[in-house]
Amino acid sequence: MKVWKGNLIFPSVEVLVEVAMNPTQRIALQRIRILFRLAREMIHEDPSLAQRYVDIARRIAMKTKVRLPREYRRMVCRHCKSFILPGVNCRVRIKPRREPHVVITCLNCGGHMRIPLKRRGRS
């Protein structure tokens, strides 16, 4: 079964992922997607409810031993585990120094998450 997942931090990136899971894990992944979608919708109106949705989604993933998809992992701060959304409670910067990378700064705890960017192939 092939499932399309769009990256939410960088919307231009589309990833096609092969999913081979048992039915319990497949249901868990569906619920995780629903909870993250609800969290994105509620972050402006009620940030504590959005955080609760993300906490439940993380708990479901841990209980069923499902790894959160990359786009959802990037929406959770690695330091304080809070739900972060660019422009709302995190800052996203592109740094060209050394190896080019994206720095996501959580505005709740001040923690930094660095994501390396791939270099273009040289001709």
PDB file of N, CA and C in Angstrom:
ATOM      1  N   MET A   1       0.845  -1.180   0.000  1.00  0.00           N
ATOM      2  CA  MET A   1       0.000   0.000   0.000  1.00  0.00           C
ATOM      3  C   MET A   1       0.885   1.236   0.000  1.00  0.00           C
ATOM      4  N   LYS A   2       0.678   2.155  -0.936  1.00  0.00           N
ATOM      5  CA  LYS A   2       1.467   3.377  -0.994  1.00  0.00           C
ATOM      6  C   LYS A   2       0.634   4.528  -0.462  1.00  0.00           C
ATOM      7  N   VAL A   3       1.258   5.355   0.355  1.00  0.00           N
ATOM      8  CA  VAL A   3       0.569   6.471   0.980  1.00  0.00           C
ATOM      9  C   VAL A   3       1.362   7.731   0.690  1.00  0.00           C
ATOM     10  N   TRP A   4       0.693   8.789   0.239  1.00  0.00           N
ATOM     11  CA  TRP A   4       1.358  10.057  -0.003  1.00  0.00           C
ATOM     12  C   TRP A   4       1.321  10.873   1.264  1.00  0.00           C
ATOM     13  N   LYS A   5       2.493  11.444   1.609  1.00  0.00           N
ATOM     14  CA  LYS A   5       2.566  12.327   2.769  1.00  0.00           C
ATOM     15  C   LYS A   5       3.295  13.587   2.352  1.00  0.00           C
ATOM     16  N   GLY A   6       2.680  14.740   2.527  1.00  0.00           N
ATOM     17  CA  GLY A   6       3.334  16.006   2.245  1.00  0.00           C
ATOM     18  C   GLY A   6       4.045  16.502   3.488  1.00  0.00           C
ATOM     19  N   ASN A   7       5.192  17.109   3.304  1.00  0.00           N
ATOM     20  CA  ASN A   7       5.952  17.642   4.421  1.00  0.00           C
ATOM     21  C   ASN A   7       5.338  18.965   4.838  1.00  0.00           C
ATOM     22  N   LEU A   8       5.054  19.154   6.117  1.00  0.00           N
ATOM     23  CA  LEU A   8       4.337  20.329   6.582  1.00  0.00           C
ATOM     24  C   LEU A   8       5.262  21.501   6.896  1.00  0.00           C
ATOM     25  N   ILE A   9       6.513  21.234   7.275  1.00  0.00           N
ATOM     26  CA  ILE A   9       7.444  22.326   7.530  1.00  0.00           C
ATOM     27  C   ILE A   9       7.918  22.906   6.200  1.00  0.00           C
ATOM     28  N   PHE A  10       8.175  22.047   5.229  1.00  0.00           N
ATOM     29  CA  PHE A  10       8.618  22.467   3.909  1.00  0.00           C
ATOM     30  C   PHE A  10       7.617  21.909   2.902  1.00  0.00           C
ATOM     31  N   PRO A  11       6.541  22.664   2.601  1.00  0.00           N
ATOM     32  CA  PRO A  11       5.440  22.114   1.831  1.00  0.00           C
ATOM     33  C   PRO A  11       5.789  21.689   0.401  1.00  0.00           C
ATOM     34  N   SER A  12       6.904  22.148  -0.158  1.00  0.00           N
ATOM     35  CA  SER A  12       7.234  21.794  -1.528  1.00  0.00           C
ATOM     36  C   SER A  12       7.793  20.377  -1.638  1.00  0.00           C
ATOM     37  N   VAL A  13       8.155  19.791  -0.514  1.00  0.00           N
ATOM     38  CA  VAL A  13       8.726  18.449  -0.524  1.00  0.00           C
ATOM     39  C   VAL A  13       7.597  17.434  -0.381  1.00  0.00           C
ATOM     40  N   GLU A  14       7.515  16.501  -1.337  1.00  0.00           N
ATOM     41  CA  GLU A  14       6.517  15.443  -1.267  1.00  0.00           C
ATOM     42  C   GLU A  14       7.250  14.114  -1.202  1.00  0.00           C
ATOM     43  N   VAL A  15       6.802  13.273  -0.313  1.00  0.00           N
ATOM     44  CA  VAL A  15       7.484  12.005  -0.089  1.00  0.00           C
ATOM     45  C   VAL A  15       6.493  10.870  -0.309  1.00  0.00           C
ATOM     46  N   LEU A  16       6.910   9.873  -1.071  1.00  0.00           N
ATOM     47  CA  LEU A  16       6.100   8.676  -1.267  1.00  0.00           C
ATOM     48  C   LEU A  16       6.699   7.591  -0.406  1.00  0.00           C
ATOM     49  N   VAL A  17       5.917   7.072   0.526  1.00  0.00           N
ATOM     50  CA  VAL A  17       6.436   6.128   1.505  1.00  0.00           C
ATOM     51  C   VAL A  17       5.705   4.801   1.379  1.00  0.00           C
ATOM     52  N   GLU A  18       6.469   3.739   1.430  1.00  0.00           N
ATOM     53  CA  GLU A  18       5.905   2.394   1.433  1.00  0.00           C
ATOM     54  C   GLU A  18       5.528   2.056   2.873  1.00  0.00           C
ATOM     55  N   VAL A  19       4.286   1.699   3.103  1.00  0.00           N
ATOM     56  CA  VAL A  19       3.833   1.400   4.455  1.00  0.00           C
ATOM     57  C   VAL A  19       3.501  -0.088   4.541  1.00  0.00           C
ATOM     58  N   ALA A  20       4.261  -0.800   5.362  1.00  0.00           N
ATOM     59  CA  ALA A  20       4.000  -2.220   5.597  1.00  0.00           C
ATOM     60  C   ALA A  20       3.850  -2.406   7.101  1.00  0.00           C
ATOM     61  N   MET A  21       2.612  -2.303   7.591  1.00  0.00           N
ATOM     62  CA  MET A  21       2.357  -2.357   9.030  1.00  0.00           C
ATOM     63  C   MET A  21       1.212  -3.325   9.309  1.00  0.00           C
ATOM     64  N   ASN A  22       1.131  -3.719  10.551  1.00  0.00           N
ATOM     65  CA  ASN A  22      -0.028  -4.525  10.931  1.00  0.00           C
ATOM     66  C   ASN A  22      -1.228  -3.586  11.110  1.00  0.00           C
ATOM     67  N   PRO A  23      -2.449  -4.124  11.167  1.00  0.00           N
ATOM     68  CA  PRO A  23      -3.645  -3.264  11.234  1.00  0.00           C
ATOM     69  C   PRO A  23      -3.667  -2.314  12.434  1.00  0.00           C
ATOM     70  N   THR A  24      -3.134  -2.752  13.566  1.00  0.00           N
ATOM     71  CA  THR A  24      -3.116  -1.887  14.751  1.00  0.00           C
ATOM     72  C   THR A  24      -2.255  -0.660  14.502  1.00  0.00           C
ATOM     73  N   GLN A  25      -1.101  -0.857  13.910  1.00  0.00           N
ATOM     74  CA  GLN A  25      -0.201   0.264  13.636  1.00  0.00           C
ATOM     75  C   GLN A  25      -0.789   1.180  12.564  1.00  0.00           C
ATOM     76  N   ARG A  26      -1.488   0.604  11.595  1.00  0.00           N
ATOM     77  CA  ARG A  26      -2.102   1.424  10.545  1.00  0.00           C
ATOM     78  C   ARG A  26      -3.183   2.318  11.136  1.00  0.00           C
ATOM     79  N   ILE A  27      -4.000   1.775  12.033  1.00  0.00           N
ATOM     80  CA  ILE A  27      -5.048   2.565  12.698  1.00  0.00           C
ATOM     81  C   ILE A  27      -4.405   3.646  13.564  1.00  0.00           C
ATOM     82  N   ALA A  28      -3.322   3.288  14.264  1.00  0.00           N
ATOM     83  CA  ALA A  28      -2.621   4.262  15.105  1.00  0.00           C
ATOM     84  C   ALA A  28      -2.098   5.417  14.262  1.00  0.00           C
ATOM     85  N   LEU A  29      -1.530   5.112  13.092  1.00  0.00           N
ATOM     86  CA  LEU A  29      -1.001   6.161  12.213  1.00  0.00           C
ATOM     87  C   LEU A  29      -2.127   7.064  11.706  1.00  0.00           C
ATOM     88  N   GLN A  30      -3.287   6.496  11.422  1.00  0.00           N
ATOM     89  CA  GLN A  30      -4.439   7.309  11.005  1.00  0.00           C
ATOM     90  C   GLN A  30      -4.859   8.261  12.128  1.00  0.00           C
ATOM     91  N   ARG A  31      -4.892   7.745  13.347  1.00  0.00           N
ATOM     92  CA  ARG A  31      -5.284   8.592  14.489  1.00  0.00           C
ATOM     93  C   ARG A  31      -4.252   9.680  14.745  1.00  0.00           C
ATOM     94  N   ILE A  32      -2.974   9.342  14.578  1.00  0.00           N
ATOM     95  CA  ILE A  32      -1.906  10.332  14.757  1.00  0.00           C
ATOM     96  C   ILE A  32      -2.070  11.454  13.739  1.00  0.00           C
ATOM     97  N   ARG A  33      -2.351  11.090  12.496  1.00  0.00           N
ATOM     98  CA  ARG A  33      -2.559  12.114  11.449  1.00  0.00           C
ATOM     99  C   ARG A  33      -3.737  13.020  11.792  1.00  0.00           C
ATOM    100  N   ILE A  34      -4.830  12.412  12.248  1.00  0.00           N
ATOM    101  CA  ILE A  34      -6.018  13.196  12.602  1.00  0.00           C
ATOM    102  C   ILE A  34      -5.696  14.151  13.749  1.00  0.00           C
ATOM    103  N   LEU A  35      -4.996  13.655  14.772  1.00  0.00           N
ATOM    104  CA  LEU A  35      -4.680  14.503  15.929  1.00  0.00           C
ATOM    105  C   LEU A  35      -3.752  15.654  15.551  1.00  0.00           C
ATOM    106  N   PHE A  36      -2.761  15.413  14.689  1.00  0.00           N
ATOM    107  CA  PHE A  36      -1.879  16.504  14.269  1.00  0.00           C
ATOM    108  C   PHE A  36      -2.629  17.514  13.407  1.00  0.00           C
ATOM    109  N   ARG A  37      -3.570  17.042  12.581  1.00  0.00           N
ATOM    110  CA  ARG A  37      -4.375  17.969  11.779  1.00  0.00           C
ATOM    111  C   ARG A  37      -5.230  18.844  12.690  1.00  0.00           C
ATOM    112  N   LEU A  38      -5.843  18.230  13.707  1.00  0.00           N
ATOM    113  CA  LEU A  38      -6.648  18.998  14.669  1.00  0.00           C
ATOM    114  C   LEU A  38      -5.786  19.985  15.446  1.00  0.00           C
ATOM    115  N   ALA A  39      -4.567  19.567  15.792  1.00  0.00           N
ATOM    116  CA  ALA A  39      -3.660  20.466  16.523  1.00  0.00           C
ATOM    117  C   ALA A  39      -3.314  21.681  15.680  1.00  0.00           C
ATOM    118  N   ARG A  40      -3.061  21.466  14.384  1.00  0.00           N
ATOM    119  CA  ARG A  40      -2.750  22.588  13.484  1.00  0.00           C
ATOM    120  C   ARG A  40      -3.924  23.550  13.384  1.00  0.00           C
ATOM    121  N   GLU A  41      -5.134  23.007  13.376  1.00  0.00           N
ATOM    122  CA  GLU A  41      -6.322  23.858  13.278  1.00  0.00           C
ATOM    123  C   GLU A  41      -6.577  24.633  14.569  1.00  0.00           C
ATOM    124  N   MET A  42      -6.256  24.029  15.727  1.00  0.00           N
ATOM    125  CA  MET A  42      -6.593  24.631  17.019  1.00  0.00           C
ATOM    126  C   MET A  42      -5.509  25.521  17.614  1.00  0.00           C
ATOM    127  N   ILE A  43      -4.302  25.528  17.032  1.00  0.00           N
ATOM    128  CA  ILE A  43      -3.182  26.247  17.657  1.00  0.00           C
ATOM    129  C   ILE A  43      -3.472  27.737  17.840  1.00  0.00           C
ATOM    130  N   HIS A  44      -4.233  28.340  16.923  1.00  0.00           N
ATOM    131  CA  HIS A  44      -4.513  29.774  17.028  1.00  0.00           C
ATOM    132  C   HIS A  44      -5.589  30.067  18.070  1.00  0.00           C
ATOM    133  N   GLU A  45      -6.579  29.171  18.178  1.00  0.00           N
ATOM    134  CA  GLU A  45      -7.687  29.411  19.090  1.00  0.00           C
ATOM    135  C   GLU A  45      -7.383  28.971  20.520  1.00  0.00           C
ATOM    136  N   ASP A  46      -6.821  27.760  20.666  1.00  0.00           N
ATOM    137  CA  ASP A  46      -6.556  27.215  21.995  1.00  0.00           C
ATOM    138  C   ASP A  46      -5.255  26.407  21.975  1.00  0.00           C
ATOM    139  N   PRO A  47      -4.108  27.072  22.242  1.00  0.00           N
ATOM    140  CA  PRO A  47      -2.824  26.371  22.185  1.00  0.00           C
ATOM    141  C   PRO A  47      -2.709  25.198  23.158  1.00  0.00           C
ATOM    142  N   SER A  48      -3.357  25.267  24.307  1.00  0.00           N
ATOM    143  CA  SER A  48      -3.265  24.166  25.266  1.00  0.00           C
ATOM    144  C   SER A  48      -3.993  22.918  24.745  1.00  0.00           C
ATOM    145  N   LEU A  49      -5.097  23.119  24.019  1.00  0.00           N
ATOM    146  CA  LEU A  49      -5.809  21.985  23.426  1.00  0.00           C
ATOM    147  C   LEU A  49      -4.977  21.368  22.299  1.00  0.00           C
ATOM    148  N   ALA A  50      -4.316  22.214  21.504  1.00  0.00           N
ATOM    149  CA  ALA A  50      -3.429  21.711  20.446  1.00  0.00           C
ATOM    150  C   ALA A  50      -2.295  20.893  21.055  1.00  0.00           C
ATOM    151  N   GLN A  51      -1.746  21.370  22.159  1.00  0.00           N
ATOM    152  CA  GLN A  51      -0.680  20.637  22.846  1.00  0.00           C
ATOM    153  C   GLN A  51      -1.200  19.297  23.372  1.00  0.00           C
ATOM    154  N   ARG A  52      -2.410  19.287  23.856  1.00  0.00           N
ATOM    155  CA  ARG A  52      -3.016  18.036  24.354  1.00  0.00           C
ATOM    156  C   ARG A  52      -3.174  17.022  23.214  1.00  0.00           C
ATOM    157  N   TYR A  53      -3.615  17.491  22.035  1.00  0.00           N
ATOM    158  CA  TYR A  53      -3.733  16.601  20.874  1.00  0.00           C
ATOM    159  C   TYR A  53      -2.396  15.976  20.514  1.00  0.00           C
ATOM    160  N   VAL A  54      -1.341  16.786  20.536  1.00  0.00           N
ATOM    161  CA  VAL A  54      -0.009  16.287  20.189  1.00  0.00           C
ATOM    162  C   VAL A  54       0.490  15.310  21.246  1.00  0.00           C
ATOM    163  N   ASP A  55       0.230  15.589  22.506  1.00  0.00           N
ATOM    164  CA  ASP A  55       0.621  14.656  23.573  1.00  0.00           C
ATOM    165  C   ASP A  55      -0.064  13.300  23.388  1.00  0.00           C
ATOM    166  N   ILE A  56      -1.349  13.325  23.041  1.00  0.00           N
ATOM    167  CA  ILE A  56      -2.078  12.081  22.818  1.00  0.00           C
ATOM    168  C   ILE A  56      -1.502  11.341  21.613  1.00  0.00           C
ATOM    169  N   ALA A  57      -1.206  12.068  20.539  1.00  0.00           N
ATOM    170  CA  ALA A  57      -0.640  11.448  19.336  1.00  0.00           C
ATOM    171  C   ALA A  57       0.709  10.802  19.634  1.00  0.00           C
ATOM    172  N   ARG A  58       1.551  11.486  20.414  1.00  0.00           N
ATOM    173  CA  ARG A  58       2.855  10.924  20.777  1.00  0.00           C
ATOM    174  C   ARG A  58       2.682   9.680  21.637  1.00  0.00           C
ATOM    175  N   ARG A  59       1.721   9.710  22.559  1.00  0.00           N
ATOM    176  CA  ARG A  59       1.473   8.566  23.420  1.00  0.00           C
ATOM    177  C   ARG A  59       0.980   7.366  22.613  1.00  0.00           C
ATOM    178  N   ILE A  60       0.125   7.620  21.623  1.00  0.00           N
ATOM    179  CA  ILE A  60      -0.352   6.542  20.745  1.00  0.00           C
ATOM    180  C   ILE A  60       0.823   5.939  19.984  1.00  0.00           C
ATOM    181  N   ALA A  61       1.706   6.795  19.470  1.00  0.00           N
ATOM    182  CA  ALA A  61       2.867   6.304  18.708  1.00  0.00           C
ATOM    183  C   ALA A  61       3.779   5.458  19.590  1.00  0.00           C
ATOM    184  N   MET A  62       3.996   5.893  20.822  1.00  0.00           N
ATOM    185  CA  MET A  62       4.876   5.140  21.716  1.00  0.00           C
ATOM    186  C   MET A  62       4.239   3.808  22.104  1.00  0.00           C
ATOM    187  N   LYS A  63       2.943   3.823  22.368  1.00  0.00           N
ATOM    188  CA  LYS A  63       2.244   2.618  22.820  1.00  0.00           C
ATOM    189  C   LYS A  63       2.213   1.544  21.732  1.00  0.00           C
ATOM    190  N   THR A  64       2.011   1.969  20.472  1.00  0.00           N
ATOM    191  CA  THR A  64       1.908   1.018  19.366  1.00  0.00           C
ATOM    192  C   THR A  64       3.238   0.797  18.655  1.00  0.00           C
ATOM    193  N   LYS A  65       4.303   1.452  19.139  1.00  0.00           N
ATOM    194  CA  LYS A  65       5.643   1.331  18.558  1.00  0.00           C
ATOM    195  C   LYS A  65       5.669   1.745  17.089  1.00  0.00           C
ATOM    196  N   VAL A  66       4.977   2.881  16.811  1.00  0.00           N
ATOM    197  CA  VAL A  66       4.970   3.466  15.474  1.00  0.00           C
ATOM    198  C   VAL A  66       5.856   4.700  15.518  1.00  0.00           C
ATOM    199  N   ARG A  67       6.777   4.791  14.572  1.00  0.00           N
ATOM    200  CA  ARG A  67       7.628   5.969  14.506  1.00  0.00           C
ATOM    201  C   ARG A  67       6.827   7.111  13.877  1.00  0.00           C
ATOM    202  N   LEU A  68       6.869   8.285  14.526  1.00  0.00           N
ATOM    203  CA  LEU A  68       6.166   9.440  13.970  1.00  0.00           C
ATOM    204  C   LEU A  68       6.780   9.785  12.621  1.00  0.00           C
ATOM    205  N   PRO A  69       5.968  10.083  11.616  1.00  0.00           N
ATOM    206  CA  PRO A  69       6.521  10.509  10.331  1.00  0.00           C
ATOM    207  C   PRO A  69       7.346  11.791  10.490  1.00  0.00           C
ATOM    208  N   ARG A  70       8.295  11.988   9.606  1.00  0.00           N
ATOM    209  CA  ARG A  70       9.247  13.093   9.714  1.00  0.00           C
ATOM    210  C   ARG A  70       8.562  14.448   9.835  1.00  0.00           C
ATOM    211  N   GLU A  71       7.504  14.691   9.046  1.00  0.00           N
ATOM    212  CA  GLU A  71       6.863  16.013   9.105  1.00  0.00           C
ATOM    213  C   GLU A  71       6.212  16.257  10.460  1.00  0.00           C
ATOM    214  N   TYR A  72       5.767  15.194  11.146  1.00  0.00           N
ATOM    215  CA  TYR A  72       5.195  15.370  12.475  1.00  0.00           C
ATOM    216  C   TYR A  72       6.287  15.489  13.533  1.00  0.00           C
ATOM    217  N   ARG A  73       7.385  14.758  13.361  1.00  0.00           N
ATOM    218  CA  ARG A  73       8.500  14.868  14.308  1.00  0.00           C
ATOM    219  C   ARG A  73       9.041  16.285  14.331  1.00  0.00           C
ATOM    220  N   ARG A  74       9.035  16.958  13.189  1.00  0.00           N
ATOM    221  CA  ARG A  74       9.547  18.335  13.123  1.00  0.00           C
ATOM    222  C   ARG A  74       8.575  19.338  13.706  1.00  0.00           C
ATOM    223  N   MET A  75       7.347  18.913  13.989  1.00  0.00           N
ATOM    224  CA  MET A  75       6.364  19.804  14.601  1.00  0.00           C
ATOM    225  C   MET A  75       6.349  19.679  16.122  1.00  0.00           C
ATOM    226  N   VAL A  76       7.277  18.870  16.655  1.00  0.00           N
ATOM    227  CA  VAL A  76       7.389  18.697  18.105  1.00  0.00           C
ATOM    228  C   VAL A  76       8.805  19.097  18.506  1.00  0.00           C
ATOM    229  N   CYS A  77       8.920  19.982  19.477  1.00  0.00           N
ATOM    230  CA  CYS A  77      10.240  20.410  19.955  1.00  0.00           C
ATOM    231  C   CYS A  77      10.957  19.229  20.596  1.00  0.00           C
ATOM    232  N   ARG A  78      12.215  19.039  20.241  1.00  0.00           N
ATOM    233  CA  ARG A  78      12.986  17.923  20.786  1.00  0.00           C
ATOM    234  C   ARG A  78      13.377  18.150  22.244  1.00  0.00           C
ATOM    235  N   HIS A  79      13.304  19.386  22.688  1.00  0.00           N
ATOM    236  CA  HIS A  79      13.748  19.706  24.044  1.00  0.00           C
ATOM    237  C   HIS A  79      12.594  19.706  25.047  1.00  0.00           C
ATOM    238  N   CYS A  80      11.523  20.440  24.733  1.00  0.00           N
ATOM    239  CA  CYS A  80      10.418  20.546  25.701  1.00  0.00           C
ATOM    240  C   CYS A  80       9.180  19.760  25.262  1.00  0.00           C
ATOM    241  N   LYS A  81       9.237  19.113  24.091  1.00  0.00           N
ATOM    242  CA  LYS A  81       8.148  18.281  23.568  1.00  0.00           C
ATOM    243  C   LYS A  81       6.865  19.057  23.320  1.00  0.00           C
ATOM    244  N   SER A  82       6.963  20.368  23.117  1.00  0.00           N
ATOM    245  CA  SER A  82       5.769  21.154  22.831  1.00  0.00           C
ATOM    246  C   SER A  82       5.514  21.191  21.329  1.00  0.00           C
ATOM    247  N   PHE A  83       4.262  21.417  20.967  1.00  0.00           N
ATOM    248  CA  PHE A  83       3.857  21.508  19.561  1.00  0.00           C
ATOM    249  C   PHE A  83       4.333  22.839  19.014  1.00  0.00           C
ATOM    250  N   ILE A  84       5.102  22.807  17.929  1.00  0.00           N
ATOM    251  CA  ILE A  84       5.596  24.045  17.339  1.00  0.00           C
ATOM    252  C   ILE A  84       5.109  24.161  15.901  1.00  0.00           C
ATOM    253  N   LEU A  85       4.748  25.367  15.515  1.00  0.00           N
ATOM    254  CA  LEU A  85       4.286  25.649  14.171  1.00  0.00           C
ATOM    255  C   LEU A  85       4.975  26.934  13.717  1.00  0.00           C
ATOM    256  N   PRO A  86       5.635  26.908  12.560  1.00  0.00           N
ATOM    257  CA  PRO A  86       6.356  28.106  12.100  1.00  0.00           C
ATOM    258  C   PRO A  86       5.446  29.321  12.035  1.00  0.00           C
ATOM    259  N   GLY A  87       5.937  30.438  12.559  1.00  0.00           N
ATOM    260  CA  GLY A  87       5.176  31.671  12.559  1.00  0.00           C
ATOM    261  C   GLY A  87       4.275  31.829  13.760  1.00  0.00           C
ATOM    262  N   VAL A  88       4.053  30.761  14.507  1.00  0.00           N
ATOM    263  CA  VAL A  88       3.187  30.839  15.681  1.00  0.00           C
ATOM    264  C   VAL A  88       4.030  30.797  16.945  1.00  0.00           C
ATOM    265  N   ASN A  89       4.772  29.714  17.141  1.00  0.00           N
ATOM    266  CA  ASN A  89       5.597  29.607  18.339  1.00  0.00           C
ATOM    267  C   ASN A  89       6.979  29.017  18.044  1.00  0.00           C
ATOM    268  N   CYS A  90       7.441  29.183  16.802  1.00  0.00           N
ATOM    269  CA  CYS A  90       8.824  28.821  16.488  1.00  0.00           C
ATOM    270  C   CYS A  90       9.327  29.714  15.363  1.00  0.00           C
ATOM    271  N   ARG A  91      10.638  29.820  15.267  1.00  0.00           N
ATOM    272  CA  ARG A  91      11.300  30.636  14.258  1.00  0.00           C
ATOM    273  C   ARG A  91      12.099  29.703  13.357  1.00  0.00           C
ATOM    274  N   VAL A  92      12.007  29.886  12.046  1.00  0.00           N
ATOM    275  CA  VAL A  92      12.718  29.038  11.095  1.00  0.00           C
ATOM    276  C   VAL A  92      13.693  29.913  10.319  1.00  0.00           C
ATOM    277  N   ARG A  93      14.961  29.537  10.326  1.00  0.00           N
ATOM    278  CA  ARG A  93      16.018  30.280   9.624  1.00  0.00           C
ATOM    279  C   ARG A  93      16.858  29.321   8.795  1.00  0.00           C
ATOM    280  N   ILE A  94      17.329  29.800   7.653  1.00  0.00           N
ATOM    281  CA  ILE A  94      18.246  29.016   6.825  1.00  0.00           C
ATOM    282  C   ILE A  94      19.634  29.592   7.029  1.00  0.00           C
ATOM    283  N   LYS A  95      20.582  28.724   7.414  1.00  0.00           N
ATOM    284  CA  LYS A  95      21.960  29.146   7.676  1.00  0.00           C
ATOM    285  C   LYS A  95      22.883  28.548   6.608  1.00  0.00           C
ATOM    286  N   PRO A  96      23.626  29.386   5.904  1.00  0.00           N
ATOM    287  CA  PRO A  96      24.507  28.870   4.849  1.00  0.00           C
ATOM    288  C   PRO A  96      25.905  28.477   5.339  1.00  0.00           C
ATOM    289  N   ARG A  97      26.260  28.821   6.585  1.00  0.00           N
ATOM    290  CA  ARG A  97      27.621  28.576   7.082  1.00  0.00           C
ATOM    291  C   ARG A  97      27.923  27.097   7.197  1.00  0.00           C
ATOM    292  N   ARG A  98      29.215  26.762   7.112  1.00  0.00           N
ATOM    293  CA  ARG A  98      29.679  25.368   7.135  1.00  0.00           C
ATOM    294  C   ARG A  98      28.816  24.550   6.197  1.00  0.00           C
ATOM    295  N   GLU A  99      28.088  23.627   6.721  1.00  0.00           N
ATOM    296  CA  GLU A  99      27.127  22.880   5.924  1.00  0.00           C
ATOM    297  C   GLU A  99      25.808  23.655   5.989  1.00  0.00           C
ATOM    298  N   PRO A 100      25.172  23.917   4.849  1.00  0.00           N
ATOM    299  CA  PRO A 100      23.884  24.623   4.895  1.00  0.00           C
ATOM    300  C   PRO A 100      22.857  23.821   5.697  1.00  0.00           C
ATOM    301  N   HIS A 101      22.104  24.512   6.543  1.00  0.00           N
ATOM    302  CA  HIS A 101      21.119  23.840   7.376  1.00  0.00           C
ATOM    303  C   HIS A 101      19.990  24.792   7.746  1.00  0.00           C
ATOM    304  N   VAL A 102      18.892  24.220   8.180  1.00  0.00           N
ATOM    305  CA  VAL A 102      17.745  24.978   8.657  1.00  0.00           C
ATOM    306  C   VAL A 102      17.762  24.901  10.177  1.00  0.00           C
ATOM    307  N   VAL A 103      17.585  26.045  10.824  1.00  0.00           N
ATOM    308  CA  VAL A 103      17.531  26.074  12.285  1.00  0.00           C
ATOM    309  C   VAL A 103      16.107  26.445  12.693  1.00  0.00           C
ATOM    310  N   ILE A 104      15.482  25.558  13.457  1.00  0.00           N
ATOM    311  CA  ILE A 104      14.150  25.818  13.990  1.00  0.00           C
ATOM    312  C   ILE A 104      14.317  26.109  15.473  1.00  0.00           C
ATOM    313  N   THR A 105      13.916  27.300  15.895  1.00  0.00           N
ATOM    314  CA  THR A 105      14.038  27.709  17.291  1.00  0.00           C
ATOM    315  C   THR A 105      12.661  27.711  17.942  1.00  0.00           C
ATOM    316  N   CYS A 106      12.521  26.925  18.988  1.00  0.00           N
ATOM    317  CA  CYS A 106      11.271  26.879  19.752  1.00  0.00           C
ATOM    318  C   CYS A 106      11.194  28.147  20.600  1.00  0.00           C
ATOM    319  N   LEU A 107      10.095  28.870  20.514  1.00  0.00           N
ATOM    320  CA  LEU A 107       9.949  30.101  21.289  1.00  0.00           C
ATOM    321  C   LEU A 107       9.408  29.837  22.686  1.00  0.00           C
ATOM    322  N   ASN A 108       9.066  28.575  22.999  1.00  0.00           N
ATOM    323  CA  ASN A 108       8.637  28.220  24.355  1.00  0.00           C
ATOM    324  C   ASN A 108       9.845  27.993  25.255  1.00  0.00           C
ATOM    325  N   CYS A 109      10.820  27.207  24.773  1.00  0.00           N
ATOM    326  CA  CYS A 109      11.968  26.851  25.610  1.00  0.00           C
ATOM    327  C   CYS A 109      13.286  27.438  25.090  1.00  0.00           C
ATOM    328  N   GLY A 110      13.306  27.942  23.858  1.00  0.00           N
ATOM    329  CA  GLY A 110      14.533  28.490  23.291  1.00  0.00           C
ATOM    330  C   GLY A 110      15.450  27.440  22.683  1.00  0.00           C
ATOM    331  N   GLY A 111      15.007  26.199  22.632  1.00  0.00           N
ATOM    332  CA  GLY A 111      15.831  25.125  22.073  1.00  0.00           C
ATOM    333  C   GLY A 111      15.949  25.233  20.563  1.00  0.00           C
ATOM    334  N   HIS A 112      17.100  24.780  20.021  1.00  0.00           N
ATOM    335  CA  HIS A 112      17.355  24.808  18.584  1.00  0.00           C
ATOM    336  C   HIS A 112      17.307  23.399  18.030  1.00  0.00           C
ATOM    337  N   MET A 113      16.741  23.269  16.844  1.00  0.00           N
ATOM    338  CA  MET A 113      16.778  22.002  16.121  1.00  0.00           C
ATOM    339  C   MET A 113      17.399  22.307  14.770  1.00  0.00           C
ATOM    340  N   ARG A 114      18.448  21.595  14.433  1.00  0.00           N
ATOM    341  CA  ARG A 114      19.139  21.817  13.160  1.00  0.00           C
ATOM    342  C   ARG A 114      18.830  20.684  12.203  1.00  0.00           C
ATOM    343  N   ILE A 115      18.461  21.048  10.981  1.00  0.00           N
ATOM    344  CA  ILE A 115      18.157  20.064   9.946  1.00  0.00           C
ATOM    345  C   ILE A 115      19.088  20.333   8.772  1.00  0.00           C
ATOM    346  N   PRO A 116      19.995  19.402   8.463  1.00  0.00           N
ATOM    347  CA  PRO A 116      20.926  19.638   7.355  1.00  0.00           C
ATOM    348  C   PRO A 116      20.200  19.680   6.011  1.00  0.00           C
ATOM    349  N   LEU A 117      20.695  20.554   5.130  1.00  0.00           N
ATOM    350  CA  LEU A 117      20.166  20.637   3.775  1.00  0.00           C
ATOM    351  C   LEU A 117      21.107  19.894   2.842  1.00  0.00           C
ATOM    352  N   LYS A 118      20.543  19.226   1.866  1.00  0.00           N
ATOM    353  CA  LYS A 118      21.376  18.493   0.930  1.00  0.00           C
ATOM    354  C   LYS A 118      21.961  19.461  -0.087  1.00  0.00           C
ATOM    355  N   ARG A 119      23.226  19.244  -0.407  1.00  0.00           N
ATOM    356  CA  ARG A 119      23.861  20.086  -1.420  1.00  0.00           C
ATOM    357  C   ARG A 119      23.435  19.631  -2.808  1.00  0.00           C
ATOM    358  N   ARG A 120      23.419  20.595  -3.731  1.00  0.00           N
ATOM    359  CA  ARG A 120      23.114  20.261  -5.125  1.00  0.00           C
ATOM    360  C   ARG A 120      24.310  19.546  -5.734  1.00  0.00           C
ATOM    361  N   GLY A 121      24.042  18.628  -6.631  1.00  0.00           N
ATOM    362  CA  GLY A 121      25.120  17.897  -7.290  1.00  0.00           C
ATOM    363  C   GLY A 121      25.930  18.825  -8.197  1.00  0.00           C
ATOM    364  N   ARG A 122      27.231  18.688  -8.161  1.00  0.00           N
ATOM    365  CA  ARG A 122      28.085  19.554  -8.997  1.00  0.00           C
ATOM    366  C   ARG A 122      28.250  18.957 -10.369  1.00  0.00           C
ATOM    367  N   SER A 123      28.186  19.787 -11.415  1.00  0.00           N
ATOM    368  CA  SER A 123      28.291  19.310 -12.800  1.00  0.00           C
ATOM    369  C   SER A 123      29.720  19.336 -13.281  1.00  0.00           C
TER     370      SER A 123
END
